[in-house]
Amino acid sequence: MKAALIGANGYIGKHLAFYLSQKGWDVHGYGRNEKGSSHLTSYNKLDVRIRDDFDNFNSEVDFVFYFSGLTGTYKSFTEYESYIDVNERGLVHLLDKLRLTGSKARVVFPSSRLVYKGIENTPLREDAEKEFKTIYAITKWFGEKVLEQYAAYFNIPFSVFRICVPYGNLFDDAYSYGTIGFFLTKAKKGEEISLFGDGRLKRTFTHVEDICQQIYLGILNKDSLNAVFNIDGETYSLKEVATSIAKKYGVRVVHTQWPETDAKLESGDTIFDAGKLQNMIRQPLKNNFSSWLREIK
């Protein structure tokens, strides 16, 4: 298989490049950095915000992975232009390129837990109620909807995979970003881990290898065409994760009061029901959080 990977230098992007290369795929990377990882067949500099940069994009591939999106919550309000340019405008630049060249490459797009309205202790299916508390969340929903439009009007196929909380690594020190990355960084420095409120909020956590595996097996199945899936993982409360990491490194977990802005942005429990994807790929997870935490230094 031949693939184009936009955002090849990001956390999930470079792990996906590594994973696909191990499967024998021909992976051509694109990104804003001057150089890409050694796991790529080729690499070209491309700024998704600039339409003309797509003039040199090779659309003669089987799959295009658009993993160039910016992540964040409150930050998307203060840097809204960048979020709109990368997460929305950049994706449409790609889709327009595929339209104009007549490419039938399937676009693979990572979406977010933040498109959901969280419900306490309730696994969320793909059709669960949506709620958008940040510009970032809206840009992810925009991505899903514009992919549906280009599929309907121009026959450009897609697959969307919603990711909750990733962690872990397959090489170097790019172990995670977001929740676990924050906890680990604090604990490794010998600093206490702070949690807002009681820490009872729950998330679905997935090792990056399992994210790559589920995407890989998913897109090879014909039933993933023009469909949306939740990525499978393990469910823990933030307190459980923070306490486990704190215990390993001998630091404390300290509970603090919710800042007003953070309380307004919080989505509640986001627990994924990944039955739709698992019923299709029928592949158990390779990793679990407890074993991973024991093994890392």
Protein backbone atom coordinates (compact mmCIF):
# COMPACT_ATOMS: atom_id res chain seq x y z
CA MET A 1 0.00 0.00 0.00
CA LYS A 2 1.07 3.55 -0.69
CA ALA A 3 0.11 6.35 1.69
CA ALA A 4 0.59 10.08 2.17
CA LEU A 5 0.89 11.16 5.79
CA ILE A 6 0.31 14.85 6.47
CA GLY A 7 1.47 15.81 9.95
CA ALA A 8 4.21 13.18 9.87
CA ASN A 9 6.17 14.84 12.68
CA GLY A 10 3.35 14.91 15.22
CA TYR A 11 3.02 12.44 18.09
CA ILE A 12 0.50 10.10 16.48
CA GLY A 13 1.69 10.88 12.95
CA LYS A 14 5.24 9.66 13.48
CA HIS A 15 4.05 6.59 15.36
CA LEU A 16 1.69 5.79 12.51
CA ALA A 17 4.56 6.19 10.03
CA PHE A 18 6.61 3.75 12.09
CA TYR A 19 3.73 1.28 12.39
CA LEU A 20 2.84 1.33 8.68
CA SER A 21 6.48 1.04 7.63
CA GLN A 22 6.71 -2.12 9.78
CA LYS A 23 3.78 -3.48 7.77
CA GLY A 24 5.64 -2.88 4.53
CA TRP A 25 3.75 0.23 3.47
CA ASP A 26 5.24 2.92 1.27
CA VAL A 27 4.69 6.02 3.44
CA HIS A 28 5.39 9.52 2.10
CA GLY A 29 5.42 12.16 4.78
CA TYR A 30 4.55 15.86 4.75
CA GLY A 31 4.95 18.49 7.43
CA ARG A 32 6.16 21.98 8.32
CA ASN A 33 9.57 20.82 9.60
CA GLU A 34 12.57 20.69 7.32
CA LYS A 35 13.09 16.97 7.93
CA GLY A 36 10.88 13.97 8.66
CA SER A 37 11.44 10.72 10.53
CA SER A 38 13.58 7.87 9.22
CA HIS A 39 10.49 5.65 8.97
CA LEU A 40 9.23 7.50 5.89
CA THR A 41 9.89 6.51 2.29
CA SER A 42 10.15 10.21 1.45
CA TYR A 43 9.47 13.54 3.09
CA ASN A 44 8.44 16.93 1.73
CA LYS A 45 7.90 20.20 3.50
CA LEU A 46 4.27 21.33 3.31
CA ASP A 47 2.36 24.00 5.20
CA VAL A 48 -1.31 23.00 5.08
CA ARG A 49 -2.34 26.63 5.62
CA ILE A 50 -0.95 27.57 2.20
CA ARG A 51 -3.01 26.32 -0.72
CA ASP A 52 -0.13 26.54 -3.22
CA ASP A 53 1.93 24.17 -1.07
CA PHE A 54 -0.37 21.39 -2.26
CA ASP A 55 0.84 21.86 -5.83
CA ASN A 56 3.67 19.44 -5.05
CA PHE A 57 1.51 17.01 -3.09
CA ASN A 58 1.36 13.54 -4.67
CA SER A 59 -2.25 12.37 -4.60
CA GLU A 60 -1.51 9.09 -6.41
CA VAL A 61 -1.75 7.03 -3.22
CA ASP A 62 -4.19 4.60 -1.67
CA PHE A 63 -4.67 6.54 1.59
CA VAL A 64 -4.08 10.08 2.80
CA PHE A 65 -3.74 10.47 6.57
CA TYR A 66 -4.55 14.03 7.65
CA PHE A 67 -2.88 14.15 11.07
CA SER A 68 -1.83 17.78 10.96
CA GLY A 69 -4.44 19.16 13.37
CA LEU A 70 -3.72 21.38 16.35
CA THR A 71 -4.99 20.16 19.73
CA GLY A 72 -6.03 22.07 22.81
CA THR A 73 -9.00 23.51 24.67
CA TYR A 74 -8.75 27.07 26.00
CA LYS A 75 -5.75 27.67 23.75
CA SER A 76 -8.06 27.42 20.74
CA PHE A 77 -9.73 30.66 21.87
CA THR A 78 -6.49 32.62 22.16
CA GLU A 79 -5.01 31.18 18.95
CA TYR A 80 -8.21 30.70 16.98
CA GLU A 81 -6.69 31.74 13.64
CA SER A 82 -4.15 28.92 13.77
CA TYR A 83 -6.78 26.34 14.73
CA ILE A 84 -9.08 27.41 11.91
CA ASP A 85 -6.22 27.59 9.39
CA VAL A 86 -4.76 24.16 10.20
CA ASN A 87 -7.76 22.12 11.32
CA GLU A 88 -10.29 23.49 8.83
CA ARG A 89 -8.67 25.40 5.97
CA GLY A 90 -5.82 22.90 5.66
CA LEU A 91 -8.19 19.95 5.39
CA VAL A 92 -10.24 21.69 2.70
CA HIS A 93 -7.04 22.51 0.80
CA LEU A 94 -6.28 18.79 0.77
CA LEU A 95 -9.79 17.80 -0.28
CA ASP A 96 -9.77 20.38 -3.07
CA LYS A 97 -6.48 18.95 -4.31
CA LEU A 98 -7.98 15.45 -4.36
CA ARG A 99 -11.08 16.78 -6.15
CA LEU A 100 -9.11 18.56 -8.84
CA THR A 101 -6.79 15.63 -9.51
CA GLY A 102 -9.61 13.09 -9.53
CA SER A 103 -7.86 11.10 -6.81
CA LYS A 104 -9.81 8.34 -5.12
CA ALA A 105 -7.43 8.06 -2.19
CA ARG A 106 -9.25 7.52 1.08
CA VAL A 107 -8.77 10.30 3.65
CA VAL A 108 -8.18 9.05 7.21
CA PHE A 109 -8.96 11.65 9.85
CA PRO A 110 -8.43 11.61 13.63
CA SER A 111 -11.27 13.21 15.58
CA SER A 112 -11.63 13.86 19.30
CA ARG A 113 -13.50 12.89 22.44
CA LEU A 114 -14.39 16.56 22.75
CA VAL A 115 -17.14 16.33 20.14
CA TYR A 116 -19.22 14.43 22.73
CA LYS A 117 -21.41 15.63 25.55
CA GLY A 118 -20.03 13.61 28.44
CA ILE A 119 -22.43 11.50 30.48
CA GLU A 120 -21.46 10.22 33.91
CA ASN A 121 -20.40 6.55 33.94
CA THR A 122 -21.94 6.02 30.49
CA PRO A 123 -20.06 4.60 27.49
CA LEU A 124 -20.64 6.80 24.45
CA ARG A 125 -21.48 5.30 21.08
CA GLU A 126 -20.65 7.13 17.87
CA ASP A 127 -24.19 8.52 17.63
CA ALA A 128 -24.25 9.84 21.22
CA GLU A 129 -25.22 13.47 21.85
CA LYS A 130 -22.65 16.03 20.71
CA GLU A 131 -21.53 19.19 22.47
CA PHE A 132 -18.86 21.70 21.45
CA LYS A 133 -17.37 23.72 24.29
CA THR A 134 -14.28 24.97 22.46
CA ILE A 135 -13.22 26.19 19.03
CA TYR A 136 -10.97 23.11 18.87
CA ALA A 137 -13.98 20.79 19.30
CA ILE A 138 -15.87 22.64 16.58
CA THR A 139 -12.93 22.30 14.17
CA LYS A 140 -12.93 18.53 14.68
CA TRP A 141 -16.66 18.34 14.03
CA PHE A 142 -16.13 20.55 10.96
CA GLY A 143 -13.57 18.02 9.74
CA GLU A 144 -16.00 15.14 10.10
CA LYS A 145 -18.81 16.99 8.34
CA VAL A 146 -16.71 18.34 5.45
CA LEU A 147 -15.41 14.83 4.79
CA GLU A 148 -19.01 13.64 4.52
CA GLN A 149 -19.73 16.44 2.04
CA TYR A 150 -16.78 15.66 -0.22
CA ALA A 151 -17.69 11.98 -0.14
CA ALA A 152 -21.26 12.76 -1.13
CA TYR A 153 -20.51 15.33 -3.84
CA PHE A 154 -17.13 14.25 -5.23
CA ASN A 155 -16.84 10.55 -4.26
CA ILE A 156 -13.76 11.13 -2.11
CA PRO A 157 -13.86 8.33 0.49
CA PHE A 158 -12.98 8.76 4.15
CA SER A 159 -12.68 7.03 7.52
CA VAL A 160 -12.83 8.90 10.84
CA PHE A 161 -11.38 7.58 14.10
CA ARG A 162 -12.24 9.41 17.32
CA ILE A 163 -9.42 9.22 19.86
CA CYS A 164 -9.96 9.80 23.57
CA VAL A 165 -6.66 9.97 25.54
CA PRO A 166 -3.48 8.54 23.94
CA TYR A 167 -0.36 7.53 25.82
CA GLY A 168 2.85 5.52 25.43
CA ASN A 169 5.48 5.32 22.72
CA LEU A 170 7.15 2.87 20.36
CA PHE A 171 10.45 4.75 20.04
CA ASP A 172 12.33 7.79 21.42
CA ASP A 173 10.79 9.88 24.23
CA ALA A 174 7.57 10.90 22.50
CA TYR A 175 5.54 9.02 25.09
CA SER A 176 2.32 11.02 25.03
CA TYR A 177 0.73 14.39 25.12
CA GLY A 178 -2.11 15.80 27.19
CA THR A 179 -3.23 14.17 30.41
CA ILE A 180 -0.65 11.43 30.96
CA GLY A 181 2.14 13.53 29.53
CA PHE A 182 1.37 16.24 32.07
CA PHE A 183 1.24 13.78 34.99
CA LEU A 184 4.49 12.07 33.96
CA THR A 185 6.38 15.29 33.43
CA LYS A 186 5.48 16.47 36.94
CA ALA A 187 6.22 13.14 38.62
CA LYS A 188 9.57 12.59 36.90
CA LYS A 189 10.69 15.99 38.18
CA GLY A 190 9.70 14.99 41.71
CA GLU A 191 6.85 17.49 41.72
CA GLU A 192 3.38 16.80 43.08
CA ILE A 193 0.58 16.12 40.61
CA SER A 194 -2.34 18.52 40.88
CA LEU A 195 -5.90 17.47 40.08
CA PHE A 196 -8.89 19.74 39.80
CA GLY A 197 -11.77 18.67 42.03
CA ASP A 198 -12.02 15.10 43.27
CA GLY A 199 -10.53 13.51 40.14
CA ARG A 200 -13.51 11.25 39.54
CA LEU A 201 -13.85 12.23 35.89
CA LYS A 202 -13.34 9.23 33.62
CA ARG A 203 -11.64 8.84 30.25
CA THR A 204 -10.80 6.07 27.81
CA PHE A 205 -7.00 5.71 27.62
CA THR A 206 -5.33 4.00 24.63
CA HIS A 207 -1.68 3.14 24.03
CA VAL A 208 -0.43 4.65 20.78
CA GLU A 209 0.44 1.21 19.37
CA ASP A 210 -3.19 0.15 19.84
CA ILE A 211 -4.36 3.37 18.19
CA CYS A 212 -2.20 2.59 15.17
CA GLN A 213 -3.31 -1.04 15.11
CA GLN A 214 -7.00 -0.17 15.21
CA ILE A 215 -6.67 2.44 12.46
CA TYR A 216 -4.62 0.04 10.33
CA LEU A 217 -7.01 -2.90 10.69
CA GLY A 218 -10.00 -0.60 10.38
CA ILE A 219 -9.11 0.96 7.04
CA LEU A 220 -8.34 -2.45 5.54
CA ASN A 221 -11.93 -3.53 6.21
CA LYS A 222 -14.47 -2.57 3.56
CA ASP A 223 -17.02 -1.67 6.23
CA SER A 224 -14.89 1.28 7.34
CA LEU A 225 -15.60 3.16 4.11
CA ASN A 226 -17.23 6.55 4.82
CA ALA A 227 -17.73 5.66 8.47
CA VAL A 228 -16.88 6.99 11.94
CA PHE A 229 -15.46 4.90 14.78
CA ASN A 230 -14.48 5.27 18.42
CA ILE A 231 -10.99 3.98 19.22
CA ASP A 232 -11.01 1.29 21.92
CA GLY A 233 -9.06 1.50 25.18
CA GLU A 234 -9.26 1.16 28.96
CA THR A 235 -11.39 3.33 31.22
CA TYR A 236 -9.90 4.98 34.29
CA SER A 237 -10.68 8.00 36.39
CA LEU A 238 -8.14 10.81 36.33
CA LYS A 239 -7.53 10.14 40.02
CA GLU A 240 -6.69 6.48 39.35
CA VAL A 241 -4.18 7.40 36.66
CA ALA A 242 -2.61 10.24 38.64
CA THR A 243 -2.36 8.11 41.78
CA SER A 244 -0.69 5.24 39.91
CA ILE A 245 1.90 7.55 38.36
CA ALA A 246 2.49 9.39 41.64
CA LYS A 247 3.06 6.11 43.49
CA LYS A 248 5.65 4.95 40.94
CA TYR A 249 7.71 8.11 41.31
CA GLY A 250 7.10 8.73 44.98
CA VAL A 251 5.22 12.02 44.70
CA ARG A 252 1.88 13.24 46.01
CA VAL A 253 -1.42 13.92 44.30
CA VAL A 254 -2.90 17.23 45.42
CA HIS A 255 -6.53 18.18 44.80
CA THR A 256 -7.25 21.81 44.01
CA GLN A 257 -10.38 23.81 43.32
CA TRP A 258 -11.56 24.05 39.74
CA PRO A 259 -10.62 27.39 38.13
CA GLU A 260 -13.75 29.04 36.77
CA THR A 261 -12.73 28.82 33.11
CA ASP A 262 -11.60 25.20 33.31
CA ALA A 263 -14.84 24.21 35.03
CA LYS A 264 -16.82 25.73 32.17
CA LEU A 265 -14.75 23.92 29.55
CA GLU A 266 -14.78 20.49 31.21
CA SER A 267 -16.71 17.92 29.16
CA GLY A 268 -17.49 15.44 31.95
CA ASP A 269 -16.91 11.69 31.67
CA THR A 270 -15.89 10.65 28.17
CA ILE A 271 -15.96 6.87 28.08
CA PHE A 272 -15.87 5.29 24.63
CA ASP A 273 -18.05 2.43 23.51
CA ALA A 274 -15.86 0.97 20.74
CA GLY A 275 -18.12 -1.97 19.95
CA LYS A 276 -18.66 -0.79 16.38
CA LEU A 277 -14.94 -0.92 15.60
CA GLN A 278 -14.16 -4.05 17.62
CA ASN A 279 -17.00 -5.98 16.00
CA MET A 280 -15.40 -5.18 12.66
CA ILE A 281 -11.71 -5.81 13.35
CA ARG A 282 -12.04 -8.37 16.18
CA GLN A 283 -8.58 -7.64 17.58
CA PRO A 284 -7.84 -7.30 21.32
CA LEU A 285 -5.64 -4.51 22.65
CA LYS A 286 -1.92 -5.32 22.80
CA ASN A 287 -1.15 -3.00 25.70
CA ASN A 288 -2.56 -2.05 29.08
CA PHE A 289 -1.84 0.96 31.25
CA SER A 290 -0.69 -0.92 34.34
CA SER A 291 1.94 -2.98 32.49
CA TRP A 292 3.15 0.06 30.56
CA LEU A 293 3.58 2.08 33.74
CA ARG A 294 5.60 -0.69 35.39
CA GLU A 295 7.99 -0.86 32.44
CA ILE A 296 8.75 2.81 31.84
CA LYS A 297 11.65 4.50 33.62
